[in-house]
Amino acid sequence: MKQYGLIFDVDGVIADTEAVNARVSIRVFEDLFGLYGVKREDFAAGLGRGAADYVRAAARVHGLQLSDEQIERATALRQEYFLKVLNAEPLPPLPGVMELIDAGLASDDFRLAIATSGTLEKSRAVLDATGVPYGRMVYVNGSNVKNKKPDPELFLAAIRRLALPADRCVVIEDAPNGIEAALAAGARVVAVTTSTTEDNLADAHLIVDSLEELDLNMLRNLIDP
């Protein structure tokens, strides 16, 4: 039987965390650096690249030079604020996510993984909040790798643990940096337009507006047309 790998990013794929990420990051700039007027779109260049590059992206937009120590303080405070929000507010999975995961786990020819640039603590909080059964999946996070997206290290680690060739795997992503990383790892890529426009996701093999549009046969056909 042919085998297929299905790899999920977390932020913007499992749940709409980008709104929360931006909200708490804007608060960090206000509380830590006294910088007001930061907007969600200011973080666009850092999407999918991990917390440090996410913060740096908005800092560059506003001409703010931050030291490594300041970045470290900002990312720690950002995670603290993020976890507080998750404890106070519900975080449902995005439409179609659980159905696709459940179908994959029930199928004999699919192996599933989570691969996210988020830290262990942050990504696990999202997965717990949404009810994703990540204990039954390969789980690689930003705490496990040295290089963040667009470097392929994260996806290469997930593919290695799935014990499949890269071209037998499909990655679901929402950000250009993630698409670049998945392609560099040798995987097929499905992009979902939860975090940015279709134009910014044009390098993916398939673009959808929601995971409700996907099923396992479509993913098989991406690998075995």
N, C-alpha and C. Protein backbone atom coordinates (compact mmCIF):
# COMPACT_ATOMS: atom_id res chain seq x y z
N MET A 1 0.83 -1.20 0.00
CA MET A 1 0.00 0.00 0.00
C MET A 1 0.87 1.25 0.00
N LYS A 2 0.52 2.20 -0.85
CA LYS A 2 1.24 3.47 -0.87
C LYS A 2 0.96 4.23 0.42
N GLN A 3 1.98 4.93 0.92
CA GLN A 3 1.84 5.69 2.15
C GLN A 3 1.97 7.18 1.85
N TYR A 4 1.25 7.98 2.63
CA TYR A 4 1.24 9.43 2.47
C TYR A 4 1.48 10.10 3.82
N GLY A 5 2.21 11.20 3.79
CA GLY A 5 2.42 11.99 4.99
C GLY A 5 1.62 13.28 4.91
N LEU A 6 1.03 13.68 6.02
CA LEU A 6 0.26 14.93 6.09
C LEU A 6 0.77 15.73 7.28
N ILE A 7 1.32 16.90 7.00
CA ILE A 7 1.98 17.72 8.02
C ILE A 7 1.25 19.04 8.17
N PHE A 8 0.82 19.34 9.40
CA PHE A 8 0.09 20.57 9.68
C PHE A 8 0.97 21.59 10.38
N ASP A 9 0.99 22.81 9.86
CA ASP A 9 1.44 23.95 10.65
C ASP A 9 0.38 24.20 11.72
N VAL A 10 0.67 25.06 12.69
CA VAL A 10 -0.30 25.33 13.77
C VAL A 10 -0.94 26.71 13.61
N ASP A 11 -0.15 27.76 13.75
CA ASP A 11 -0.70 29.12 13.70
C ASP A 11 -1.27 29.41 12.31
N GLY A 12 -2.57 29.70 12.26
CA GLY A 12 -3.20 30.02 10.99
C GLY A 12 -3.66 28.81 10.21
N VAL A 13 -3.34 27.61 10.67
CA VAL A 13 -3.79 26.37 10.02
C VAL A 13 -4.68 25.58 10.96
N ILE A 14 -4.18 25.27 12.16
CA ILE A 14 -4.98 24.58 13.17
C ILE A 14 -6.00 25.54 13.77
N ALA A 15 -5.57 26.75 14.07
CA ALA A 15 -6.44 27.75 14.69
C ALA A 15 -6.05 29.14 14.23
N ASP A 16 -6.99 30.06 14.32
CA ASP A 16 -6.71 31.45 13.94
C ASP A 16 -6.00 32.15 15.08
N THR A 17 -4.75 31.79 15.28
CA THR A 17 -3.95 32.40 16.35
C THR A 17 -3.26 33.68 15.91
N GLU A 18 -3.23 33.95 14.60
CA GLU A 18 -2.49 35.13 14.15
C GLU A 18 -3.10 36.42 14.70
N ALA A 19 -4.42 36.44 14.85
CA ALA A 19 -5.06 37.62 15.44
C ALA A 19 -4.59 37.82 16.87
N VAL A 20 -4.49 36.73 17.62
CA VAL A 20 -4.01 36.81 19.01
C VAL A 20 -2.52 37.14 19.04
N ASN A 21 -1.75 36.50 18.15
CA ASN A 21 -0.31 36.81 18.07
C ASN A 21 -0.07 38.30 17.86
N ALA A 22 -0.80 38.87 16.91
CA ALA A 22 -0.63 40.29 16.62
C ALA A 22 -1.07 41.15 17.79
N ARG A 23 -2.20 40.80 18.39
CA ARG A 23 -2.74 41.58 19.51
C ARG A 23 -1.78 41.65 20.68
N VAL A 24 -1.25 40.49 21.06
CA VAL A 24 -0.34 40.49 22.22
C VAL A 24 1.00 41.11 21.86
N SER A 25 1.42 40.97 20.60
CA SER A 25 2.69 41.57 20.19
C SER A 25 2.60 43.09 20.16
N ILE A 26 1.46 43.61 19.71
CA ILE A 26 1.24 45.06 19.74
C ILE A 26 1.32 45.56 21.18
N ARG A 27 0.74 44.81 22.10
CA ARG A 27 0.79 45.19 23.52
C ARG A 27 2.23 45.17 24.04
N VAL A 28 3.03 44.21 23.57
CA VAL A 28 4.44 44.15 23.98
C VAL A 28 5.18 45.41 23.55
N PHE A 29 4.96 45.84 22.32
CA PHE A 29 5.62 47.06 21.85
C PHE A 29 5.21 48.27 22.68
N GLU A 30 3.96 48.31 23.09
CA GLU A 30 3.50 49.42 23.92
C GLU A 30 4.09 49.34 25.32
N ASP A 31 4.00 48.16 25.95
CA ASP A 31 4.40 48.02 27.35
C ASP A 31 5.91 48.03 27.54
N LEU A 32 6.63 47.44 26.59
CA LEU A 32 8.07 47.27 26.77
C LEU A 32 8.87 48.41 26.14
N PHE A 33 8.40 48.92 25.01
CA PHE A 33 9.18 49.92 24.28
C PHE A 33 8.48 51.27 24.14
N GLY A 34 7.26 51.38 24.65
CA GLY A 34 6.53 52.65 24.55
C GLY A 34 6.20 53.03 23.12
N LEU A 35 6.12 52.04 22.23
CA LEU A 35 5.84 52.30 20.82
C LEU A 35 4.37 52.00 20.54
N TYR A 36 3.63 53.03 20.13
CA TYR A 36 2.22 52.90 19.82
C TYR A 36 2.00 53.01 18.31
N GLY A 37 0.90 52.48 17.84
CA GLY A 37 0.59 52.57 16.42
C GLY A 37 1.02 51.35 15.61
N VAL A 38 1.53 50.31 16.27
CA VAL A 38 1.88 49.07 15.56
C VAL A 38 0.59 48.38 15.12
N LYS A 39 0.55 47.87 13.89
CA LYS A 39 -0.64 47.22 13.34
C LYS A 39 -0.32 45.77 12.98
N ARG A 40 -1.37 44.97 12.84
CA ARG A 40 -1.20 43.55 12.53
C ARG A 40 -0.37 43.33 11.27
N GLU A 41 -0.62 44.15 10.23
CA GLU A 41 0.11 43.95 8.97
C GLU A 41 1.60 44.24 9.09
N ASP A 42 2.01 44.92 10.16
CA ASP A 42 3.44 45.21 10.35
C ASP A 42 4.25 43.95 10.64
N PHE A 43 3.58 42.88 11.02
CA PHE A 43 4.26 41.62 11.35
C PHE A 43 4.35 40.68 10.15
N ALA A 44 3.82 41.08 9.00
CA ALA A 44 3.67 40.17 7.85
C ALA A 44 4.96 39.48 7.45
N ALA A 45 6.07 40.21 7.44
CA ALA A 45 7.34 39.61 7.00
C ALA A 45 7.84 38.54 7.96
N GLY A 46 7.31 38.53 9.18
CA GLY A 46 7.75 37.54 10.17
C GLY A 46 6.84 36.36 10.33
N LEU A 47 5.75 36.31 9.54
CA LEU A 47 4.81 35.19 9.66
C LEU A 47 5.50 33.86 9.43
N GLY A 48 5.33 32.95 10.38
CA GLY A 48 5.86 31.60 10.23
C GLY A 48 7.34 31.45 10.54
N ARG A 49 8.01 32.52 10.92
CA ARG A 49 9.46 32.46 11.11
C ARG A 49 9.87 32.33 12.59
N GLY A 50 8.90 32.20 13.49
CA GLY A 50 9.22 32.13 14.90
C GLY A 50 9.06 33.49 15.56
N ALA A 51 9.01 33.48 16.89
CA ALA A 51 8.68 34.69 17.66
C ALA A 51 9.67 35.82 17.45
N ALA A 52 10.97 35.52 17.42
CA ALA A 52 11.98 36.57 17.32
C ALA A 52 11.85 37.34 16.00
N ASP A 53 11.73 36.62 14.89
CA ASP A 53 11.60 37.29 13.60
C ASP A 53 10.24 37.98 13.46
N TYR A 54 9.24 37.47 14.13
CA TYR A 54 7.92 38.10 14.12
C TYR A 54 8.02 39.49 14.75
N VAL A 55 8.70 39.57 15.90
CA VAL A 55 8.88 40.86 16.58
C VAL A 55 9.78 41.78 15.75
N ARG A 56 10.85 41.23 15.21
CA ARG A 56 11.78 42.04 14.40
C ARG A 56 11.09 42.67 13.20
N ALA A 57 10.13 41.94 12.61
CA ALA A 57 9.45 42.45 11.42
C ALA A 57 8.76 43.77 11.70
N ALA A 58 8.01 43.85 12.79
CA ALA A 58 7.32 45.10 13.12
C ALA A 58 8.29 46.17 13.57
N ALA A 59 9.34 45.77 14.27
CA ALA A 59 10.34 46.74 14.70
C ALA A 59 10.97 47.43 13.48
N ARG A 60 11.26 46.65 12.43
CA ARG A 60 11.85 47.22 11.21
C ARG A 60 10.89 48.20 10.55
N VAL A 61 9.61 47.85 10.50
CA VAL A 61 8.61 48.73 9.89
C VAL A 61 8.61 50.10 10.56
N HIS A 62 8.84 50.11 11.88
CA HIS A 62 8.78 51.36 12.65
C HIS A 62 10.16 51.95 12.94
N GLY A 63 11.19 51.40 12.28
CA GLY A 63 12.53 51.95 12.44
C GLY A 63 13.10 51.78 13.83
N LEU A 64 12.66 50.75 14.54
CA LEU A 64 13.11 50.50 15.91
C LEU A 64 14.23 49.47 15.90
N GLN A 65 15.40 49.86 16.38
CA GLN A 65 16.54 48.95 16.45
C GLN A 65 16.52 48.24 17.82
N LEU A 66 16.39 46.93 17.80
CA LEU A 66 16.31 46.15 19.04
C LEU A 66 17.53 45.26 19.18
N SER A 67 18.09 45.23 20.37
CA SER A 67 19.22 44.35 20.66
C SER A 67 18.72 42.91 20.84
N ASP A 68 19.63 41.96 20.83
CA ASP A 68 19.25 40.57 21.06
C ASP A 68 18.58 40.41 22.43
N GLU A 69 19.07 41.14 23.41
CA GLU A 69 18.48 41.07 24.76
C GLU A 69 17.05 41.61 24.75
N GLN A 70 16.83 42.69 24.03
CA GLN A 70 15.48 43.25 23.94
C GLN A 70 14.53 42.30 23.21
N ILE A 71 15.03 41.67 22.16
CA ILE A 71 14.22 40.68 21.44
C ILE A 71 13.85 39.52 22.36
N GLU A 72 14.81 39.07 23.14
CA GLU A 72 14.55 37.96 24.07
C GLU A 72 13.49 38.34 25.09
N ARG A 73 13.59 39.55 25.63
CA ARG A 73 12.59 40.02 26.59
C ARG A 73 11.22 40.15 25.94
N ALA A 74 11.20 40.67 24.70
CA ALA A 74 9.94 40.87 24.00
C ALA A 74 9.25 39.54 23.69
N THR A 75 10.01 38.55 23.24
CA THR A 75 9.40 37.26 22.90
C THR A 75 8.92 36.52 24.14
N ALA A 76 9.64 36.66 25.25
CA ALA A 76 9.19 36.04 26.50
C ALA A 76 7.89 36.67 26.98
N LEU A 77 7.81 38.01 26.92
CA LEU A 77 6.59 38.70 27.34
C LEU A 77 5.43 38.39 26.39
N ARG A 78 5.74 38.31 25.10
CA ARG A 78 4.72 37.96 24.11
C ARG A 78 4.11 36.60 24.41
N GLN A 79 4.95 35.61 24.73
CA GLN A 79 4.43 34.29 25.05
C GLN A 79 3.61 34.33 26.33
N GLU A 80 4.07 35.10 27.33
CA GLU A 80 3.32 35.22 28.58
C GLU A 80 1.92 35.79 28.33
N TYR A 81 1.86 36.85 27.54
CA TYR A 81 0.57 37.46 27.21
C TYR A 81 -0.30 36.49 26.41
N PHE A 82 0.31 35.77 25.46
CA PHE A 82 -0.42 34.83 24.62
C PHE A 82 -1.07 33.74 25.46
N LEU A 83 -0.31 33.16 26.38
CA LEU A 83 -0.84 32.08 27.21
C LEU A 83 -1.96 32.57 28.11
N LYS A 84 -1.86 33.82 28.57
CA LYS A 84 -2.94 34.39 29.39
C LYS A 84 -4.22 34.52 28.58
N VAL A 85 -4.09 34.95 27.32
CA VAL A 85 -5.27 35.06 26.46
C VAL A 85 -5.90 33.70 26.24
N LEU A 86 -5.08 32.68 25.99
CA LEU A 86 -5.61 31.34 25.77
C LEU A 86 -6.33 30.80 27.00
N ASN A 87 -5.85 31.18 28.17
CA ASN A 87 -6.50 30.74 29.40
C ASN A 87 -7.83 31.44 29.62
N ALA A 88 -7.98 32.63 29.05
CA ALA A 88 -9.17 33.45 29.30
C ALA A 88 -10.22 33.35 28.19
N GLU A 89 -9.81 32.97 26.99
CA GLU A 89 -10.71 32.99 25.84
C GLU A 89 -10.72 31.63 25.15
N PRO A 90 -11.86 31.20 24.61
CA PRO A 90 -11.89 29.94 23.85
C PRO A 90 -11.13 30.09 22.54
N LEU A 91 -10.55 29.00 22.08
CA LEU A 91 -9.83 28.99 20.81
C LEU A 91 -10.28 27.76 20.02
N PRO A 92 -11.29 27.92 19.20
CA PRO A 92 -11.77 26.77 18.43
C PRO A 92 -10.83 26.46 17.27
N PRO A 93 -10.80 25.21 16.82
CA PRO A 93 -10.04 24.89 15.61
C PRO A 93 -10.71 25.54 14.41
N LEU A 94 -9.92 25.82 13.39
CA LEU A 94 -10.48 26.37 12.16
C LEU A 94 -11.37 25.33 11.46
N PRO A 95 -12.34 25.77 10.67
CA PRO A 95 -13.24 24.84 10.00
C PRO A 95 -12.49 23.80 9.16
N GLY A 96 -12.92 22.56 9.31
CA GLY A 96 -12.35 21.47 8.51
C GLY A 96 -11.12 20.82 9.09
N VAL A 97 -10.51 21.44 10.09
CA VAL A 97 -9.25 20.91 10.63
C VAL A 97 -9.46 19.55 11.29
N MET A 98 -10.39 19.48 12.22
CA MET A 98 -10.57 18.24 12.97
C MET A 98 -11.06 17.11 12.07
N GLU A 99 -11.92 17.45 11.11
CA GLU A 99 -12.41 16.43 10.19
C GLU A 99 -11.27 15.82 9.37
N LEU A 100 -10.34 16.68 8.92
CA LEU A 100 -9.21 16.19 8.13
C LEU A 100 -8.25 15.37 8.98
N ILE A 101 -7.99 15.84 10.20
CA ILE A 101 -7.12 15.09 11.11
C ILE A 101 -7.74 13.75 11.46
N ASP A 102 -9.02 13.74 11.80
CA ASP A 102 -9.69 12.48 12.16
C ASP A 102 -9.68 11.50 11.00
N ALA A 103 -9.91 12.01 9.79
CA ALA A 103 -9.89 11.13 8.61
C ALA A 103 -8.50 10.56 8.39
N GLY A 104 -7.48 11.40 8.54
CA GLY A 104 -6.11 10.93 8.36
C GLY A 104 -5.70 9.88 9.38
N LEU A 105 -6.07 10.11 10.63
CA LEU A 105 -5.73 9.15 11.68
C LEU A 105 -6.46 7.83 11.50
N ALA A 106 -7.64 7.88 10.90
CA ALA A 106 -8.43 6.66 10.69
C ALA A 106 -8.01 5.90 9.44
N SER A 107 -7.18 6.53 8.61
CA SER A 107 -6.80 5.92 7.33
C SER A 107 -5.51 5.13 7.47
N ASP A 108 -5.47 3.96 6.89
CA ASP A 108 -4.28 3.11 6.97
C ASP A 108 -3.11 3.64 6.15
N ASP A 109 -3.38 4.51 5.18
CA ASP A 109 -2.30 4.94 4.29
C ASP A 109 -1.79 6.35 4.59
N PHE A 110 -2.23 6.95 5.69
CA PHE A 110 -1.74 8.28 6.06
C PHE A 110 -1.01 8.26 7.40
N ARG A 111 0.09 9.03 7.45
CA ARG A 111 0.79 9.29 8.70
C ARG A 111 0.76 10.80 8.91
N LEU A 112 0.45 11.23 10.14
CA LEU A 112 0.21 12.65 10.39
C LEU A 112 1.26 13.26 11.29
N ALA A 113 1.50 14.56 11.09
CA ALA A 113 2.48 15.29 11.91
C ALA A 113 2.03 16.72 12.13
N ILE A 114 2.51 17.29 13.24
CA ILE A 114 2.44 18.71 13.51
C ILE A 114 3.86 19.25 13.38
N ALA A 115 4.02 20.37 12.66
CA ALA A 115 5.34 21.01 12.54
C ALA A 115 5.14 22.52 12.62
N THR A 116 5.60 23.12 13.70
CA THR A 116 5.37 24.54 13.94
C THR A 116 6.62 25.23 14.45
N SER A 117 6.80 26.49 14.04
CA SER A 117 7.91 27.28 14.55
C SER A 117 7.68 27.75 15.97
N GLY A 118 6.45 27.65 16.47
CA GLY A 118 6.15 28.05 17.84
C GLY A 118 6.88 27.19 18.85
N THR A 119 7.12 27.75 20.02
CA THR A 119 7.79 27.00 21.08
C THR A 119 6.92 25.83 21.54
N LEU A 120 7.53 24.92 22.28
CA LEU A 120 6.78 23.79 22.83
C LEU A 120 5.61 24.28 23.67
N GLU A 121 5.86 25.21 24.59
CA GLU A 121 4.81 25.66 25.51
C GLU A 121 3.68 26.35 24.76
N LYS A 122 4.04 27.23 23.85
CA LYS A 122 3.02 27.99 23.12
C LYS A 122 2.21 27.10 22.18
N SER A 123 2.88 26.27 21.41
CA SER A 123 2.17 25.43 20.45
C SER A 123 1.34 24.37 21.16
N ARG A 124 1.84 23.84 22.24
CA ARG A 124 1.07 22.83 22.98
C ARG A 124 -0.19 23.44 23.58
N ALA A 125 -0.10 24.70 24.02
CA ALA A 125 -1.28 25.39 24.55
C ALA A 125 -2.36 25.51 23.48
N VAL A 126 -1.94 25.83 22.24
CA VAL A 126 -2.90 25.94 21.14
C VAL A 126 -3.51 24.58 20.83
N LEU A 127 -2.68 23.55 20.76
CA LEU A 127 -3.18 22.21 20.44
C LEU A 127 -4.11 21.68 21.52
N ASP A 128 -3.79 21.95 22.77
CA ASP A 128 -4.67 21.55 23.86
C ASP A 128 -6.00 22.30 23.80
N ALA A 129 -5.93 23.61 23.52
CA ALA A 129 -7.14 24.43 23.48
C ALA A 129 -8.08 23.99 22.37
N THR A 130 -7.52 23.55 21.24
CA THR A 130 -8.34 23.18 20.09
C THR A 130 -8.75 21.71 20.11
N GLY A 131 -8.13 20.91 20.98
CA GLY A 131 -8.48 19.51 21.08
C GLY A 131 -7.82 18.62 20.04
N VAL A 132 -6.75 19.09 19.43
CA VAL A 132 -6.04 18.27 18.44
C VAL A 132 -5.33 17.11 19.14
N PRO A 133 -5.52 15.87 18.68
CA PRO A 133 -4.91 14.70 19.33
C PRO A 133 -3.44 14.53 18.92
N TYR A 134 -2.61 15.51 19.28
CA TYR A 134 -1.22 15.51 18.82
C TYR A 134 -0.40 14.37 19.42
N GLY A 135 -0.89 13.76 20.48
CA GLY A 135 -0.21 12.60 21.05
C GLY A 135 -0.20 11.41 20.11
N ARG A 136 -1.08 11.43 19.11
CA ARG A 136 -1.14 10.35 18.12
C ARG A 136 -0.45 10.74 16.82
N MET A 137 0.25 11.88 16.85
CA MET A 137 0.89 12.41 15.65
C MET A 137 2.36 12.69 15.94
N VAL A 138 3.18 12.70 14.93
CA VAL A 138 4.54 13.24 15.08
C VAL A 138 4.38 14.72 15.42
N TYR A 139 5.21 15.22 16.34
CA TYR A 139 5.06 16.60 16.81
C TYR A 139 6.44 17.24 16.91
N VAL A 140 6.70 18.18 16.00
CA VAL A 140 7.97 18.91 15.98
C VAL A 140 7.65 20.39 16.15
N ASN A 141 8.36 21.06 17.04
CA ASN A 141 8.09 22.48 17.29
C ASN A 141 9.39 23.27 17.29
N GLY A 142 9.25 24.59 17.44
CA GLY A 142 10.41 25.47 17.36
C GLY A 142 11.46 25.22 18.42
N SER A 143 11.06 24.57 19.51
CA SER A 143 12.03 24.24 20.56
C SER A 143 12.92 23.06 20.17
N ASN A 144 12.54 22.34 19.11
CA ASN A 144 13.29 21.15 18.66
C ASN A 144 14.32 21.45 17.59
N VAL A 145 14.28 22.66 17.01
CA VAL A 145 15.15 22.95 15.87
C VAL A 145 15.93 24.23 16.11
N LYS A 146 17.03 24.35 15.39
CA LYS A 146 17.87 25.55 15.49
C LYS A 146 17.41 26.62 14.51
N ASN A 147 17.08 26.21 13.30
CA ASN A 147 16.75 27.16 12.23
C ASN A 147 15.25 27.18 11.98
N LYS A 148 14.69 28.38 11.96
CA LYS A 148 13.26 28.54 11.73
C LYS A 148 12.99 28.71 10.23
N LYS A 149 11.72 28.62 9.86
CA LYS A 149 11.32 28.86 8.48
C LYS A 149 11.80 30.26 8.05
N PRO A 150 12.20 30.43 6.79
CA PRO A 150 12.03 29.54 5.63
C PRO A 150 13.06 28.42 5.50
N ASP A 151 13.93 28.27 6.49
CA ASP A 151 14.83 27.11 6.48
C ASP A 151 13.97 25.84 6.56
N PRO A 152 14.32 24.78 5.84
CA PRO A 152 13.48 23.57 5.83
C PRO A 152 13.68 22.65 7.03
N GLU A 153 14.54 23.01 7.98
CA GLU A 153 14.89 22.08 9.06
C GLU A 153 13.67 21.51 9.78
N LEU A 154 12.69 22.35 10.07
CA LEU A 154 11.50 21.91 10.81
C LEU A 154 10.76 20.81 10.05
N PHE A 155 10.54 21.03 8.76
CA PHE A 155 9.81 20.04 7.97
C PHE A 155 10.65 18.80 7.68
N LEU A 156 11.94 18.99 7.51
CA LEU A 156 12.81 17.82 7.33
C LEU A 156 12.78 16.92 8.56
N ALA A 157 12.74 17.54 9.75
CA ALA A 157 12.66 16.77 10.99
C ALA A 157 11.35 15.99 11.05
N ALA A 158 10.24 16.63 10.69
CA ALA A 158 8.95 15.95 10.71
C ALA A 158 8.90 14.81 9.68
N ILE A 159 9.41 15.07 8.49
CA ILE A 159 9.43 14.05 7.44
C ILE A 159 10.28 12.86 7.86
N ARG A 160 11.41 13.15 8.48
CA ARG A 160 12.29 12.06 8.95
C ARG A 160 11.57 11.19 9.98
N ARG A 161 10.82 11.83 10.89
CA ARG A 161 10.12 11.07 11.92
C ARG A 161 8.89 10.35 11.37
N LEU A 162 8.35 10.84 10.27
CA LEU A 162 7.27 10.11 9.61
C LEU A 162 7.79 8.88 8.87
N ALA A 163 9.11 8.85 8.64
CA ALA A 163 9.76 7.74 7.94
C ALA A 163 9.21 7.55 6.54
N LEU A 164 9.05 8.69 5.84
CA LEU A 164 8.58 8.68 4.46
C LEU A 164 9.49 9.56 3.61
N PRO A 165 9.56 9.29 2.31
CA PRO A 165 10.27 10.23 1.43
C PRO A 165 9.55 11.58 1.43
N ALA A 166 10.30 12.65 1.27
CA ALA A 166 9.71 13.98 1.29
C ALA A 166 8.62 14.15 0.23
N ASP A 167 8.81 13.54 -0.95
CA ASP A 167 7.82 13.72 -2.02
C ASP A 167 6.56 12.88 -1.82
N ARG A 168 6.48 12.16 -0.69
CA ARG A 168 5.26 11.45 -0.30
C ARG A 168 4.50 12.22 0.76
N CYS A 169 4.93 13.46 1.04
CA CYS A 169 4.33 14.25 2.11
C CYS A 169 3.71 15.53 1.58
N VAL A 170 2.59 15.92 2.21
CA VAL A 170 1.92 17.19 1.94
C VAL A 170 1.98 18.04 3.20
N VAL A 171 2.43 19.26 3.06
CA VAL A 171 2.44 20.22 4.16
C VAL A 171 1.30 21.21 3.97
N ILE A 172 0.56 21.50 5.03
CA ILE A 172 -0.48 22.53 4.98
C ILE A 172 0.05 23.77 5.69
N GLU A 173 0.11 24.87 4.98
CA GLU A 173 0.72 26.11 5.46
C GLU A 173 -0.20 27.30 5.18
N ASP A 174 0.10 28.41 5.86
CA ASP A 174 -0.68 29.64 5.64
C ASP A 174 0.20 30.84 5.34
N ALA A 175 1.52 30.66 5.30
CA ALA A 175 2.42 31.80 5.16
C ALA A 175 3.49 31.53 4.11
N PRO A 176 3.93 32.57 3.41
CA PRO A 176 4.96 32.39 2.37
C PRO A 176 6.24 31.75 2.90
N ASN A 177 6.67 32.12 4.10
CA ASN A 177 7.89 31.53 4.66
C ASN A 177 7.74 30.03 4.88
N GLY A 178 6.54 29.61 5.29
CA GLY A 178 6.29 28.19 5.48
C GLY A 178 6.25 27.44 4.17
N ILE A 179 5.66 28.05 3.16
CA ILE A 179 5.64 27.43 1.83
C ILE A 179 7.06 27.25 1.32
N GLU A 180 7.88 28.28 1.46
CA GLU A 180 9.27 28.20 1.01
C GLU A 180 10.01 27.07 1.73
N ALA A 181 9.79 26.95 3.02
CA ALA A 181 10.45 25.90 3.81
C ALA A 181 10.00 24.52 3.38
N ALA A 182 8.69 24.35 3.18
CA ALA A 182 8.16 23.04 2.79
C ALA A 182 8.65 22.63 1.41
N LEU A 183 8.68 23.58 0.48
CA LEU A 183 9.19 23.28 -0.86
C LEU A 183 10.67 22.91 -0.82
N ALA A 184 11.43 23.63 0.01
CA ALA A 184 12.86 23.33 0.14
C ALA A 184 13.09 21.95 0.74
N ALA A 185 12.13 21.50 1.55
CA ALA A 185 12.23 20.16 2.14
C ALA A 185 11.85 19.07 1.15
N GLY A 186 11.25 19.47 0.02
CA GLY A 186 10.89 18.51 -1.02
C GLY A 186 9.46 18.01 -0.96
N ALA A 187 8.62 18.67 -0.14
CA ALA A 187 7.24 18.23 0.04
C ALA A 187 6.29 18.95 -0.93
N ARG A 188 5.10 18.40 -1.08
CA ARG A 188 4.00 19.10 -1.73
C ARG A 188 3.42 20.08 -0.70
N VAL A 189 2.78 21.14 -1.19
CA VAL A 189 2.27 22.16 -0.27
C VAL A 189 0.85 22.57 -0.63
N VAL A 190 -0.02 22.56 0.39
CA VAL A 190 -1.34 23.16 0.29
C VAL A 190 -1.31 24.43 1.14
N ALA A 191 -1.74 25.55 0.56
CA ALA A 191 -1.80 26.80 1.29
C ALA A 191 -3.25 27.17 1.56
N VAL A 192 -3.49 27.68 2.76
CA VAL A 192 -4.82 28.14 3.15
C VAL A 192 -4.77 29.64 3.41
N THR A 193 -5.76 30.37 2.92
CA THR A 193 -5.71 31.83 2.90
C THR A 193 -6.23 32.46 4.21
N THR A 194 -5.85 31.89 5.34
CA THR A 194 -6.32 32.43 6.62
C THR A 194 -5.52 33.63 7.08
N SER A 195 -4.26 33.74 6.65
CA SER A 195 -3.37 34.77 7.19
C SER A 195 -2.91 35.80 6.17
N THR A 196 -3.01 35.45 4.89
CA THR A 196 -2.56 36.38 3.85
C THR A 196 -3.31 36.08 2.56
N THR A 197 -3.05 36.87 1.54
CA THR A 197 -3.81 36.75 0.30
C THR A 197 -3.31 35.60 -0.58
N GLU A 198 -4.15 35.20 -1.51
CA GLU A 198 -3.80 34.13 -2.43
C GLU A 198 -2.55 34.48 -3.24
N ASP A 199 -2.39 35.74 -3.60
CA ASP A 199 -1.22 36.15 -4.38
C ASP A 199 0.08 35.85 -3.65
N ASN A 200 0.07 35.99 -2.33
CA ASN A 200 1.28 35.74 -1.53
C ASN A 200 1.56 34.25 -1.34
N LEU A 201 0.61 33.42 -1.73
CA LEU A 201 0.73 31.97 -1.54
C LEU A 201 0.89 31.22 -2.86
N ALA A 202 1.19 31.97 -3.91
CA ALA A 202 1.14 31.42 -5.27
C ALA A 202 2.11 30.27 -5.52
N ASP A 203 3.14 30.11 -4.70
CA ASP A 203 4.11 29.03 -4.92
C ASP A 203 3.61 27.66 -4.46
N ALA A 204 2.51 27.63 -3.73
CA ALA A 204 1.96 26.36 -3.27
C ALA A 204 1.39 25.56 -4.44
N HIS A 205 1.31 24.24 -4.26
CA HIS A 205 0.74 23.38 -5.30
C HIS A 205 -0.78 23.53 -5.39
N LEU A 206 -1.39 23.86 -4.26
CA LEU A 206 -2.85 24.01 -4.20
C LEU A 206 -3.16 25.08 -3.16
N ILE A 207 -4.12 25.96 -3.46
CA ILE A 207 -4.53 27.01 -2.54
C ILE A 207 -6.02 26.86 -2.26
N VAL A 208 -6.38 26.89 -0.96
CA VAL A 208 -7.79 26.79 -0.56
C VAL A 208 -8.10 27.92 0.42
N ASP A 209 -9.36 28.25 0.54
CA ASP A 209 -9.77 29.26 1.51
C ASP A 209 -10.08 28.64 2.86
N SER A 210 -10.31 27.34 2.88
CA SER A 210 -10.64 26.63 4.12
C SER A 210 -10.27 25.16 3.95
N LEU A 211 -9.91 24.52 5.05
CA LEU A 211 -9.62 23.09 4.99
C LEU A 211 -10.87 22.26 4.76
N GLU A 212 -12.03 22.89 4.87
CA GLU A 212 -13.28 22.21 4.51
C GLU A 212 -13.29 21.81 3.04
N GLU A 213 -12.46 22.47 2.23
CA GLU A 213 -12.39 22.16 0.80
C GLU A 213 -11.54 20.93 0.50
N LEU A 214 -10.82 20.42 1.51
CA LEU A 214 -9.88 19.32 1.30
C LEU A 214 -10.45 17.99 1.76
N ASP A 215 -10.03 16.92 1.10
CA ASP A 215 -10.25 15.57 1.62
C ASP A 215 -9.01 14.74 1.30
N LEU A 216 -8.97 13.54 1.82
CA LEU A 216 -7.76 12.71 1.66
C LEU A 216 -7.49 12.37 0.20
N ASN A 217 -8.53 12.18 -0.60
CA ASN A 217 -8.31 11.85 -2.01
C ASN A 217 -7.63 13.00 -2.75
N MET A 218 -7.99 14.24 -2.42
CA MET A 218 -7.33 15.37 -3.05
C MET A 218 -5.85 15.40 -2.69
N LEU A 219 -5.53 15.05 -1.45
CA LEU A 219 -4.14 15.04 -1.01
C LEU A 219 -3.38 13.88 -1.66
N ARG A 220 -4.02 12.73 -1.81
CA ARG A 220 -3.39 11.61 -2.53
C ARG A 220 -3.07 12.01 -3.95
N ASN A 221 -4.00 12.72 -4.58
CA ASN A 221 -3.82 13.11 -5.98
C ASN A 221 -2.71 14.16 -6.17
N LEU A 222 -2.42 14.91 -5.12
CA LEU A 222 -1.29 15.84 -5.20
C LEU A 222 0.03 15.09 -5.30
N ILE A 223 0.07 13.91 -4.69
CA ILE A 223 1.30 13.12 -4.67
C ILE A 223 1.33 12.11 -5.83
N ASP A 224 0.21 11.49 -6.09
CA ASP A 224 0.09 10.51 -7.18
C ASP A 224 -0.98 10.98 -8.16
N PRO A 225 -0.63 11.97 -9.01
CA PRO A 225 -1.64 12.51 -9.93
C PRO A 225 -2.13 11.48 -10.95
